[in-house]
Amino acid sequence: MRPTADTRLKETIAYLRKQVEDMRVKTEWKVECVNNCAQQQIFEGLNINAHKEKELEDEVMMLQEKLEEEQSAHTITEDFLERQLTSLQEKKPFWIKRYEKDMEEKEQELTALQNKRANNLTQLHELSKKCRDMQQVIIEDRTEKERLRIQLEKEQRERDAAIKIQSWWRGTVVRRGLRSPKKSNQAKPKKAKKKKK
């Protein structure tokens, strides 16, 4: 019985040793796998971090370059604006004088134009008055000429009528023999005297 028990014990010990060995191998394998996985994760993490760090460094460099460009552009712009400001400040008195001179000239031109306009209006009023006076004179002259024409026509008609009456009367006197000899004798010398003149 003992050998059997010893054998069993040995078998059990051998079995347990094998189990322990298997467990140790498995544990070592698991530890190695865990270590490998951890190392792999650490390596990947380091790679990712290195890549991110490189990206961030590149971005920082790009931003620094942009910042330098912006600062350079800002400096150039600031210098340009300062030069422009200085130039404009130097030109300011000239432009103020020019403005004042131009304003004075324009005011003089305006005054001259206003005076000319006033003179033109005065001349226009005078010419209008003369024109009205001339029109009145023309109207009066025409009225007077018309009155004289009517008067002359009336006098001409009266003369024509008187001549007709005289002719008729003379004809009547001659036809009837009513003429006195004294009057005809006296009338002839008067006519002769008039002819001598």
N, C-alpha and C. Protein backbone atom coordinates (compact mmCIF):
# COMPACT_ATOMS: atom_id res chain seq x y z
N MET A 1 0.82 -1.18 0.00
CA MET A 1 0.00 0.00 0.00
C MET A 1 0.86 1.24 0.00
N ARG A 2 1.92 1.18 0.66
CA ARG A 2 2.79 2.33 0.70
C ARG A 2 3.31 2.67 -0.68
N PRO A 3 3.82 1.64 -1.41
CA PRO A 3 4.32 2.03 -2.69
C PRO A 3 3.23 2.66 -3.51
N THR A 4 2.09 2.21 -3.35
CA THR A 4 1.00 2.77 -4.12
C THR A 4 0.74 4.18 -3.64
N ALA A 5 0.76 4.37 -2.41
CA ALA A 5 0.53 5.72 -1.87
C ALA A 5 1.69 6.61 -2.25
N ASP A 6 2.87 6.09 -2.18
CA ASP A 6 4.02 6.90 -2.59
C ASP A 6 3.94 7.20 -4.08
N THR A 7 3.53 6.19 -4.78
CA THR A 7 3.42 6.40 -6.21
C THR A 7 2.38 7.47 -6.49
N ARG A 8 1.30 7.33 -5.77
CA ARG A 8 0.25 8.34 -5.97
C ARG A 8 0.74 9.70 -5.54
N LEU A 9 1.41 9.68 -4.46
CA LEU A 9 1.93 10.96 -3.96
C LEU A 9 2.92 11.52 -4.97
N LYS A 10 3.76 10.68 -5.49
CA LYS A 10 4.72 11.12 -6.49
C LYS A 10 4.00 11.59 -7.73
N GLU A 11 3.00 10.82 -8.11
CA GLU A 11 2.23 11.21 -9.29
C GLU A 11 1.53 12.55 -9.05
N THR A 12 0.99 12.64 -7.84
CA THR A 12 0.30 13.88 -7.49
C THR A 12 1.29 15.03 -7.48
N ILE A 13 2.47 14.78 -6.90
CA ILE A 13 3.49 15.83 -6.84
C ILE A 13 3.93 16.16 -8.26
N ALA A 14 4.13 15.11 -9.05
CA ALA A 14 4.54 15.35 -10.44
C ALA A 14 3.46 16.13 -11.18
N TYR A 15 2.23 15.70 -10.92
CA TYR A 15 1.12 16.39 -11.58
C TYR A 15 1.06 17.85 -11.15
N LEU A 16 1.20 18.02 -9.84
CA LEU A 16 1.15 19.39 -9.31
C LEU A 16 2.34 20.20 -9.82
N ARG A 17 3.52 19.56 -9.89
CA ARG A 17 4.68 20.27 -10.42
C ARG A 17 4.43 20.67 -11.88
N LYS A 18 3.84 19.72 -12.60
CA LYS A 18 3.53 20.02 -13.99
C LYS A 18 2.54 21.16 -14.08
N GLN A 19 1.55 21.10 -13.19
CA GLN A 19 0.54 22.18 -13.17
C GLN A 19 1.21 23.50 -12.83
N VAL A 20 2.09 23.45 -11.82
CA VAL A 20 2.79 24.69 -11.42
C VAL A 20 3.65 25.18 -12.58
N GLU A 21 4.33 24.23 -13.24
CA GLU A 21 5.18 24.61 -14.37
C GLU A 21 4.33 25.20 -15.48
N ASP A 22 3.20 24.54 -15.76
CA ASP A 22 2.29 25.08 -16.79
C ASP A 22 1.81 26.49 -16.41
N MET A 23 1.46 26.59 -15.11
CA MET A 23 0.99 27.90 -14.64
C MET A 23 2.11 28.93 -14.73
N ARG A 24 3.33 28.50 -14.37
CA ARG A 24 4.45 29.43 -14.45
C ARG A 24 4.69 29.83 -15.90
N VAL A 25 4.66 28.86 -16.82
CA VAL A 25 4.87 29.14 -18.24
C VAL A 25 3.77 30.07 -18.74
N LYS A 26 2.52 29.72 -18.35
CA LYS A 26 1.39 30.56 -18.78
C LYS A 26 1.53 31.97 -18.21
N THR A 27 1.93 32.00 -16.92
CA THR A 27 2.08 33.31 -16.28
C THR A 27 3.19 34.09 -16.95
N GLU A 28 4.30 33.43 -17.21
CA GLU A 28 5.40 34.12 -17.89
C GLU A 28 4.97 34.59 -19.27
N TRP A 29 4.22 33.67 -19.94
CA TRP A 29 3.74 34.04 -21.27
C TRP A 29 2.79 35.23 -21.20
N LYS A 30 1.89 35.15 -20.19
CA LYS A 30 0.94 36.26 -20.01
C LYS A 30 1.67 37.55 -19.66
N VAL A 31 2.66 37.42 -18.75
CA VAL A 31 3.44 38.60 -18.36
C VAL A 31 4.17 39.13 -19.57
N GLU A 32 4.74 38.20 -20.36
CA GLU A 32 5.45 38.64 -21.56
C GLU A 32 4.51 39.29 -22.54
N CYS A 33 3.32 38.67 -22.69
CA CYS A 33 2.31 39.28 -23.59
C CYS A 33 1.89 40.65 -23.09
N VAL A 34 1.65 40.71 -21.75
CA VAL A 34 1.25 42.00 -21.17
C VAL A 34 2.37 43.00 -21.35
N ASN A 35 3.61 42.55 -21.09
CA ASN A 35 4.75 43.46 -21.28
C ASN A 35 4.87 43.90 -22.75
N ASN A 36 4.71 42.89 -23.64
CA ASN A 36 4.78 43.23 -25.06
C ASN A 36 3.67 44.21 -25.44
N CYS A 37 2.45 43.91 -24.96
CA CYS A 37 1.32 44.82 -25.27
C CYS A 37 1.58 46.20 -24.69
N ALA A 38 2.05 46.21 -23.43
CA ALA A 38 2.31 47.50 -22.79
C ALA A 38 3.40 48.24 -23.54
N GLN A 39 4.46 47.48 -23.90
CA GLN A 39 5.53 48.13 -24.65
C GLN A 39 5.04 48.62 -26.01
N GLN A 40 4.18 47.78 -26.64
CA GLN A 40 3.62 48.20 -27.93
C GLN A 40 2.78 49.46 -27.76
N GLN A 41 1.92 49.47 -26.72
CA GLN A 41 1.08 50.65 -26.47
C GLN A 41 1.94 51.87 -26.14
N ILE A 42 2.99 51.61 -25.32
CA ILE A 42 3.89 52.72 -24.99
C ILE A 42 4.58 53.22 -26.24
N PHE A 43 5.02 52.27 -27.09
CA PHE A 43 5.70 52.66 -28.32
C PHE A 43 4.76 53.44 -29.23
N GLU A 44 3.52 52.89 -29.38
CA GLU A 44 2.54 53.59 -30.21
C GLU A 44 2.21 54.96 -29.61
N GLY A 45 2.04 54.97 -28.27
CA GLY A 45 1.77 56.25 -27.60
C GLY A 45 2.91 57.23 -27.81
N LEU A 46 4.14 56.73 -27.69
CA LEU A 46 5.29 57.60 -27.92
C LEU A 46 5.34 58.08 -29.36
N ASN A 47 5.03 57.15 -30.29
CA ASN A 47 4.99 57.56 -31.71
C ASN A 47 3.91 58.63 -31.95
N ILE A 48 2.72 58.35 -31.38
CA ILE A 48 1.62 59.33 -31.55
C ILE A 48 2.01 60.66 -30.93
N ASN A 49 2.56 60.57 -29.71
CA ASN A 49 2.98 61.81 -29.04
C ASN A 49 4.07 62.53 -29.82
N ALA A 50 5.02 61.72 -30.36
CA ALA A 50 6.10 62.33 -31.14
C ALA A 50 5.52 63.00 -32.40
N HIS A 51 4.56 62.29 -33.02
CA HIS A 51 3.92 62.86 -34.22
C HIS A 51 3.16 64.15 -33.87
N LYS A 52 2.36 64.07 -32.78
CA LYS A 52 1.61 65.26 -32.34
C LYS A 52 2.56 66.38 -31.97
N GLU A 53 3.63 66.00 -31.26
CA GLU A 53 4.62 67.01 -30.86
C GLU A 53 5.25 67.65 -32.09
N LYS A 54 5.54 66.81 -33.12
CA LYS A 54 6.10 67.34 -34.36
C LYS A 54 5.11 68.29 -35.03
N GLU A 55 3.82 67.86 -35.07
CA GLU A 55 2.79 68.72 -35.65
C GLU A 55 2.69 70.04 -34.89
N LEU A 56 2.69 69.94 -33.55
CA LEU A 56 2.60 71.15 -32.74
C LEU A 56 3.82 72.04 -32.94
N GLU A 57 5.00 71.42 -33.02
CA GLU A 57 6.21 72.21 -33.27
C GLU A 57 6.14 72.89 -34.63
N ASP A 58 5.66 72.12 -35.64
CA ASP A 58 5.50 72.73 -36.98
C ASP A 58 4.50 73.89 -36.93
N GLU A 59 3.40 73.66 -36.21
CA GLU A 59 2.38 74.72 -36.10
C GLU A 59 2.93 75.93 -35.37
N VAL A 60 3.72 75.66 -34.29
CA VAL A 60 4.33 76.77 -33.55
C VAL A 60 5.29 77.52 -34.46
N MET A 61 6.09 76.78 -35.24
CA MET A 61 7.03 77.44 -36.15
C MET A 61 6.28 78.26 -37.20
N MET A 62 5.18 77.66 -37.75
CA MET A 62 4.40 78.37 -38.75
C MET A 62 3.79 79.64 -38.15
N LEU A 63 3.25 79.50 -36.91
CA LEU A 63 2.66 80.66 -36.24
C LEU A 63 3.72 81.71 -35.94
N GLN A 64 4.92 81.26 -35.56
CA GLN A 64 6.00 82.21 -35.32
C GLN A 64 6.38 82.95 -36.61
N GLU A 65 6.43 82.18 -37.71
CA GLU A 65 6.73 82.82 -38.99
C GLU A 65 5.65 83.84 -39.36
N LYS A 66 4.38 83.41 -39.17
CA LYS A 66 3.28 84.33 -39.46
C LYS A 66 3.34 85.55 -38.57
N LEU A 67 3.64 85.30 -37.29
CA LEU A 67 3.75 86.41 -36.34
C LEU A 67 4.87 87.36 -36.76
N GLU A 68 5.99 86.78 -37.17
CA GLU A 68 7.11 87.62 -37.64
C GLU A 68 6.71 88.41 -38.89
N GLU A 69 6.00 87.71 -39.82
CA GLU A 69 5.53 88.40 -41.03
C GLU A 69 4.57 89.53 -40.66
N GLU A 70 3.63 89.22 -39.75
CA GLU A 70 2.66 90.24 -39.33
C GLU A 70 3.37 91.40 -38.65
N GLN A 71 4.34 91.07 -37.79
CA GLN A 71 5.08 92.14 -37.12
C GLN A 71 5.86 92.97 -38.13
N SER A 72 6.46 92.28 -39.11
CA SER A 72 7.20 93.00 -40.15
C SER A 72 6.26 93.89 -40.96
N ALA A 73 5.11 93.31 -41.35
CA ALA A 73 4.13 94.10 -42.11
C ALA A 73 3.61 95.25 -41.27
N HIS A 74 3.37 94.98 -39.99
CA HIS A 74 2.89 96.03 -39.08
C HIS A 74 3.93 97.14 -38.97
N THR A 75 5.19 96.73 -38.83
CA THR A 75 6.27 97.73 -38.73
C THR A 75 6.36 98.56 -40.01
N ILE A 76 6.30 97.86 -41.16
CA ILE A 76 6.36 98.57 -42.45
C ILE A 76 5.18 99.53 -42.58
N THR A 77 3.98 99.03 -42.24
CA THR A 77 2.78 99.88 -42.32
C THR A 77 2.88 101.06 -41.38
N GLU A 78 3.35 100.78 -40.17
CA GLU A 78 3.48 101.85 -39.18
C GLU A 78 4.48 102.91 -39.66
N ASP A 79 5.62 102.43 -40.20
CA ASP A 79 6.62 103.38 -40.74
C ASP A 79 6.03 104.20 -41.88
N PHE A 80 5.31 103.51 -42.78
CA PHE A 80 4.69 104.21 -43.91
C PHE A 80 3.70 105.27 -43.42
N LEU A 81 2.84 104.86 -42.47
CA LEU A 81 1.84 105.80 -41.96
C LEU A 81 2.50 106.97 -41.23
N GLU A 82 3.57 106.69 -40.51
CA GLU A 82 4.28 107.79 -39.83
C GLU A 82 4.89 108.75 -40.85
N ARG A 83 5.47 108.18 -41.92
CA ARG A 83 6.02 109.05 -42.98
C ARG A 83 4.92 109.87 -43.64
N GLN A 84 3.79 109.20 -43.90
CA GLN A 84 2.66 109.92 -44.51
C GLN A 84 2.16 111.03 -43.59
N LEU A 85 2.06 110.70 -42.29
CA LEU A 85 1.60 111.69 -41.32
C LEU A 85 2.56 112.88 -41.28
N THR A 86 3.85 112.57 -41.25
CA THR A 86 4.85 113.65 -41.24
C THR A 86 4.75 114.49 -42.51
N SER A 87 4.61 113.80 -43.66
CA SER A 87 4.49 114.52 -44.93
C SER A 87 3.25 115.40 -44.95
N LEU A 88 2.14 114.83 -44.48
CA LEU A 88 0.89 115.61 -44.46
C LEU A 88 0.97 116.78 -43.48
N GLN A 89 1.62 116.55 -42.34
CA GLN A 89 1.77 117.65 -41.39
C GLN A 89 2.65 118.76 -41.97
N GLU A 90 3.67 118.35 -42.75
CA GLU A 90 4.52 119.35 -43.39
C GLU A 90 3.74 120.12 -44.46
N LYS A 91 2.84 119.41 -45.18
CA LYS A 91 2.07 120.05 -46.25
C LYS A 91 0.87 120.82 -45.72
N LYS A 92 0.48 120.57 -44.48
CA LYS A 92 -0.73 121.18 -43.93
C LYS A 92 -0.72 122.70 -44.01
N PRO A 93 0.36 123.40 -43.57
CA PRO A 93 0.36 124.87 -43.67
C PRO A 93 0.19 125.35 -45.10
N PHE A 94 0.85 124.65 -46.05
CA PHE A 94 0.72 125.03 -47.46
C PHE A 94 -0.74 124.94 -47.91
N TRP A 95 -1.39 123.81 -47.56
CA TRP A 95 -2.77 123.62 -47.99
C TRP A 95 -3.71 124.58 -47.29
N ILE A 96 -3.41 124.92 -46.03
CA ILE A 96 -4.24 125.91 -45.33
C ILE A 96 -4.13 127.26 -46.03
N LYS A 97 -2.88 127.66 -46.37
CA LYS A 97 -2.69 128.94 -47.09
C LYS A 97 -3.37 128.89 -48.45
N ARG A 98 -3.20 127.75 -49.13
CA ARG A 98 -3.82 127.59 -50.45
C ARG A 98 -5.34 127.70 -50.34
N TYR A 99 -5.90 127.05 -49.32
CA TYR A 99 -7.35 127.10 -49.11
C TYR A 99 -7.80 128.54 -48.85
N GLU A 100 -7.08 129.23 -47.95
CA GLU A 100 -7.45 130.61 -47.62
C GLU A 100 -7.33 131.50 -48.85
N LYS A 101 -6.26 131.30 -49.64
CA LYS A 101 -6.07 132.10 -50.86
C LYS A 101 -7.20 131.83 -51.85
N ASP A 102 -7.50 130.54 -52.05
CA ASP A 102 -8.58 130.19 -52.99
C ASP A 102 -9.91 130.76 -52.52
N MET A 103 -10.17 130.68 -51.21
CA MET A 103 -11.43 131.22 -50.67
C MET A 103 -11.49 132.73 -50.89
N GLU A 104 -10.36 133.41 -50.66
CA GLU A 104 -10.32 134.86 -50.85
C GLU A 104 -10.57 135.21 -52.32
N GLU A 105 -9.91 134.45 -53.23
CA GLU A 105 -10.10 134.70 -54.66
C GLU A 105 -11.56 134.46 -55.06
N LYS A 106 -12.13 133.37 -54.55
CA LYS A 106 -13.52 133.06 -54.89
C LYS A 106 -14.46 134.12 -54.33
N GLU A 107 -14.16 134.60 -53.12
CA GLU A 107 -14.99 135.66 -52.55
C GLU A 107 -14.89 136.93 -53.39
N GLN A 108 -13.66 137.24 -53.85
CA GLN A 108 -13.50 138.42 -54.72
C GLN A 108 -14.25 138.23 -56.03
N GLU A 109 -14.14 137.03 -56.60
CA GLU A 109 -14.88 136.75 -57.84
C GLU A 109 -16.38 136.88 -57.60
N LEU A 110 -16.84 136.34 -56.46
CA LEU A 110 -18.27 136.42 -56.14
C LEU A 110 -18.70 137.87 -55.97
N THR A 111 -17.88 138.67 -55.27
CA THR A 111 -18.20 140.09 -55.10
C THR A 111 -18.23 140.79 -56.44
N ALA A 112 -17.23 140.49 -57.30
CA ALA A 112 -17.19 141.11 -58.63
C ALA A 112 -18.43 140.73 -59.44
N LEU A 113 -18.80 139.45 -59.37
CA LEU A 113 -19.99 139.00 -60.11
C LEU A 113 -21.25 139.65 -59.56
N GLN A 114 -21.33 139.80 -58.23
CA GLN A 114 -22.50 140.45 -57.64
C GLN A 114 -22.56 141.92 -58.07
N ASN A 115 -21.40 142.59 -58.07
CA ASN A 115 -21.36 143.99 -58.52
C ASN A 115 -21.75 144.10 -59.99
N LYS A 116 -21.19 143.18 -60.80
CA LYS A 116 -21.51 143.19 -62.23
C LYS A 116 -23.00 142.95 -62.44
N ARG A 117 -23.55 142.02 -61.67
CA ARG A 117 -24.99 141.73 -61.77
C ARG A 117 -25.80 142.96 -61.39
N ALA A 118 -25.39 143.62 -60.29
CA ALA A 118 -26.10 144.83 -59.86
C ALA A 118 -26.02 145.90 -60.95
N ASN A 119 -24.81 146.08 -61.54
CA ASN A 119 -24.65 147.05 -62.62
C ASN A 119 -25.52 146.68 -63.82
N ASN A 120 -25.51 145.39 -64.16
CA ASN A 120 -26.32 144.93 -65.28
C ASN A 120 -27.80 145.18 -65.02
N LEU A 121 -28.24 144.91 -63.78
CA LEU A 121 -29.64 145.16 -63.43
C LEU A 121 -29.97 146.65 -63.54
N THR A 122 -29.03 147.49 -63.05
CA THR A 122 -29.24 148.94 -63.14
C THR A 122 -29.34 149.36 -64.60
N GLN A 123 -28.39 148.88 -65.42
CA GLN A 123 -28.43 149.21 -66.85
C GLN A 123 -29.70 148.69 -67.50
N LEU A 124 -30.11 147.49 -67.09
CA LEU A 124 -31.33 146.91 -67.64
C LEU A 124 -32.54 147.77 -67.29
N HIS A 125 -32.60 148.23 -66.02
CA HIS A 125 -33.71 149.10 -65.61
C HIS A 125 -33.67 150.41 -66.40
N GLU A 126 -32.46 150.96 -66.56
CA GLU A 126 -32.34 152.21 -67.32
C GLU A 126 -32.76 152.01 -68.77
N LEU A 127 -32.29 150.90 -69.37
CA LEU A 127 -32.68 150.62 -70.76
C LEU A 127 -34.18 150.37 -70.88
N SER A 128 -34.74 149.68 -69.88
CA SER A 128 -36.19 149.44 -69.89
C SER A 128 -36.94 150.76 -69.82
N LYS A 129 -36.46 151.67 -68.95
CA LYS A 129 -37.10 152.99 -68.83
C LYS A 129 -36.98 153.76 -70.14
N LYS A 130 -35.74 153.72 -70.73
CA LYS A 130 -35.54 154.41 -72.01
C LYS A 130 -36.45 153.80 -73.08
N CYS A 131 -36.54 152.49 -73.07
CA CYS A 131 -37.38 151.80 -74.05
C CYS A 131 -38.84 152.21 -73.88
N ARG A 132 -39.31 152.26 -72.62
CA ARG A 132 -40.69 152.69 -72.37
C ARG A 132 -40.88 154.14 -72.82
N ASP A 133 -39.88 154.99 -72.49
CA ASP A 133 -39.97 156.40 -72.91
C ASP A 133 -40.00 156.50 -74.43
N MET A 134 -39.13 155.71 -75.10
CA MET A 134 -39.10 155.74 -76.57
C MET A 134 -40.43 155.24 -77.14
N GLN A 135 -40.95 154.18 -76.53
CA GLN A 135 -42.24 153.67 -77.00
C GLN A 135 -43.33 154.73 -76.83
N GLN A 136 -43.27 155.42 -75.68
CA GLN A 136 -44.25 156.49 -75.44
C GLN A 136 -44.09 157.60 -76.47
N VAL A 137 -42.81 157.97 -76.76
CA VAL A 137 -42.55 159.01 -77.76
C VAL A 137 -43.05 158.55 -79.13
N ILE A 138 -42.76 157.26 -79.46
CA ILE A 138 -43.21 156.73 -80.75
C ILE A 138 -44.73 156.76 -80.85
N ILE A 139 -45.38 156.34 -79.74
CA ILE A 139 -46.86 156.35 -79.73
C ILE A 139 -47.37 157.78 -79.90
N GLU A 140 -46.77 158.70 -79.13
CA GLU A 140 -47.19 160.10 -79.23
C GLU A 140 -46.93 160.64 -80.64
N ASP A 141 -45.75 160.29 -81.21
CA ASP A 141 -45.41 160.74 -82.56
C ASP A 141 -46.41 160.19 -83.58
N ARG A 142 -46.71 158.91 -83.46
CA ARG A 142 -47.68 158.30 -84.38
C ARG A 142 -49.06 158.95 -84.23
N THR A 143 -49.42 159.19 -82.96
CA THR A 143 -50.72 159.83 -82.72
C THR A 143 -50.74 161.22 -83.35
N GLU A 144 -49.62 161.95 -83.15
CA GLU A 144 -49.54 163.31 -83.71
C GLU A 144 -49.56 163.26 -85.23
N LYS A 145 -48.79 162.29 -85.81
CA LYS A 145 -48.78 162.16 -87.27
C LYS A 145 -50.16 161.80 -87.80
N GLU A 146 -50.82 160.90 -87.08
CA GLU A 146 -52.18 160.52 -87.49
C GLU A 146 -53.12 161.72 -87.42
N ARG A 147 -52.98 162.50 -86.32
CA ARG A 147 -53.83 163.69 -86.17
C ARG A 147 -53.54 164.68 -87.30
N LEU A 148 -52.21 164.88 -87.60
CA LEU A 148 -51.85 165.79 -88.69
C LEU A 148 -52.35 165.27 -90.03
N ARG A 149 -52.24 163.95 -90.25
CA ARG A 149 -52.73 163.36 -91.50
C ARG A 149 -54.22 163.60 -91.65
N ILE A 150 -54.94 163.35 -90.55
CA ILE A 150 -56.39 163.57 -90.60
C ILE A 150 -56.68 165.04 -90.85
N GLN A 151 -55.90 165.92 -90.16
CA GLN A 151 -56.10 167.37 -90.33
C GLN A 151 -55.80 167.78 -91.77
N LEU A 152 -54.66 167.24 -92.31
CA LEU A 152 -54.30 167.58 -93.70
C LEU A 152 -55.34 167.06 -94.68
N GLU A 153 -55.79 165.81 -94.43
CA GLU A 153 -56.83 165.26 -95.32
C GLU A 153 -58.10 166.12 -95.26
N LYS A 154 -58.43 166.55 -94.03
CA LYS A 154 -59.63 167.40 -93.86
C LYS A 154 -59.44 168.72 -94.61
N GLU A 155 -58.22 169.34 -94.39
CA GLU A 155 -57.95 170.61 -95.07
C GLU A 155 -57.96 170.42 -96.59
N GLN A 156 -57.36 169.27 -97.05
CA GLN A 156 -57.35 168.99 -98.49
C GLN A 156 -58.77 168.85 -99.02
N ARG A 157 -59.60 168.12 -98.26
CA ARG A 157 -61.00 167.98 -98.69
C ARG A 157 -61.70 169.33 -98.73
N GLU A 158 -61.40 170.15 -97.67
CA GLU A 158 -62.01 171.48 -97.63
C GLU A 158 -61.54 172.32 -98.82
N ARG A 159 -60.20 172.24 -99.15
CA ARG A 159 -59.68 172.98 -100.30
C ARG A 159 -60.32 172.49 -101.59
N ASP A 160 -60.36 171.14 -101.69
CA ASP A 160 -60.98 170.57 -102.89
C ASP A 160 -62.42 171.02 -103.01
N ALA A 161 -63.12 171.02 -101.86
CA ALA A 161 -64.53 171.45 -101.87
C ALA A 161 -64.62 172.94 -102.22
N ALA A 162 -63.70 173.75 -101.64
CA ALA A 162 -63.71 175.19 -101.92
C ALA A 162 -63.42 175.44 -103.39
N ILE A 163 -62.42 174.67 -103.93
CA ILE A 163 -62.08 174.84 -105.35
C ILE A 163 -63.27 174.47 -106.22
N LYS A 164 -63.94 173.37 -105.85
CA LYS A 164 -65.11 172.96 -106.63
C LYS A 164 -66.20 174.02 -106.57
N ILE A 165 -66.39 174.54 -105.34
CA ILE A 165 -67.42 175.58 -105.19
C ILE A 165 -67.03 176.82 -105.98
N GLN A 166 -65.73 177.20 -105.87
CA GLN A 166 -65.27 178.37 -106.62
C GLN A 166 -65.41 178.15 -108.13
N SER A 167 -65.02 176.96 -108.57
CA SER A 167 -65.13 176.65 -109.99
C SER A 167 -66.59 176.70 -110.43
N TRP A 168 -67.43 176.13 -109.63
CA TRP A 168 -68.86 176.13 -109.96
C TRP A 168 -69.38 177.56 -110.00
N TRP A 169 -68.96 178.36 -108.99
CA TRP A 169 -69.43 179.74 -108.91
C TRP A 169 -68.90 180.55 -110.09
N ARG A 170 -67.63 180.38 -110.41
CA ARG A 170 -67.06 181.10 -111.55
C ARG A 170 -67.77 180.71 -112.85
N GLY A 171 -67.98 179.42 -112.95
CA GLY A 171 -68.71 178.95 -114.15
C GLY A 171 -70.09 179.56 -114.23
N THR A 172 -70.73 179.64 -113.07
CA THR A 172 -72.07 180.22 -113.03
C THR A 172 -72.00 181.70 -113.37
N VAL A 173 -71.01 182.40 -112.80
CA VAL A 173 -70.87 183.84 -113.04
C VAL A 173 -70.58 184.07 -114.52
N VAL A 174 -69.69 183.29 -115.11
CA VAL A 174 -69.33 183.46 -116.51
C VAL A 174 -70.54 183.16 -117.38
N ARG A 175 -71.22 182.07 -117.09
CA ARG A 175 -72.37 181.70 -117.91
C ARG A 175 -73.48 182.75 -117.83
N ARG A 176 -73.65 183.36 -116.71
CA ARG A 176 -74.75 184.31 -116.53
C ARG A 176 -74.29 185.74 -116.76
N GLY A 177 -73.02 185.93 -116.89
CA GLY A 177 -72.49 187.26 -117.15
C GLY A 177 -72.63 188.17 -115.97
N LEU A 178 -72.40 187.70 -114.83
CA LEU A 178 -72.58 188.47 -113.61
C LEU A 178 -71.30 189.14 -113.16
N ARG A 179 -70.27 189.02 -113.85
CA ARG A 179 -68.98 189.52 -113.40
C ARG A 179 -68.91 191.02 -113.64
N SER A 180 -68.37 191.77 -112.71
CA SER A 180 -68.25 193.22 -112.87
C SER A 180 -66.92 193.53 -113.51
N PRO A 181 -66.83 194.57 -114.39
CA PRO A 181 -65.60 194.86 -115.07
C PRO A 181 -64.52 195.36 -114.15
N LYS A 182 -64.86 196.12 -113.11
CA LYS A 182 -63.84 196.67 -112.20
C LYS A 182 -63.08 195.54 -111.51
N LYS A 183 -63.80 194.61 -111.07
CA LYS A 183 -63.15 193.52 -110.33
C LYS A 183 -62.21 192.74 -111.22
N SER A 184 -62.59 192.54 -112.46
CA SER A 184 -61.72 191.78 -113.34
C SER A 184 -60.48 192.57 -113.69
N ASN A 185 -60.62 193.95 -113.86
CA ASN A 185 -59.46 194.77 -114.14
C ASN A 185 -58.51 194.82 -112.95
N GLN A 186 -59.08 194.94 -111.81
CA GLN A 186 -58.23 195.01 -110.61
C GLN A 186 -57.58 193.66 -110.33
N ALA A 187 -58.24 192.64 -110.65
CA ALA A 187 -57.70 191.31 -110.37
C ALA A 187 -56.52 190.99 -111.27
N LYS A 188 -56.58 191.45 -112.55
CA LYS A 188 -55.51 191.15 -113.48
C LYS A 188 -54.19 191.78 -113.08
N PRO A 189 -54.13 193.09 -112.72
CA PRO A 189 -52.84 193.63 -112.32
C PRO A 189 -52.27 192.94 -111.09
N LYS A 190 -53.14 192.56 -110.18
CA LYS A 190 -52.63 191.86 -108.98
C LYS A 190 -51.95 190.57 -109.38
N LYS A 191 -52.56 189.86 -110.33
CA LYS A 191 -51.97 188.61 -110.79
C LYS A 191 -50.65 188.87 -111.48
N ALA A 192 -50.59 189.96 -112.23
CA ALA A 192 -49.36 190.31 -112.93
C ALA A 192 -48.27 190.65 -111.95
N LYS A 193 -48.64 191.40 -110.92
CA LYS A 193 -47.65 191.73 -109.89
C LYS A 193 -47.12 190.47 -109.23
N LYS A 194 -48.01 189.55 -108.99
CA LYS A 194 -47.58 188.30 -108.35
C LYS A 194 -46.63 187.55 -109.25
N LYS A 195 -46.89 187.60 -110.57
CA LYS A 195 -46.02 186.90 -111.50
C LYS A 195 -44.65 187.53 -111.55
N LYS A 196 -44.59 188.88 -111.42
CA LYS A 196 -43.31 189.57 -111.44
C LYS A 196 -42.45 189.16 -110.26
N LYS A 197 -43.10 188.99 -109.17
CA LYS A 197 -42.35 188.56 -107.99
C LYS A 197 -41.74 187.22 -108.25
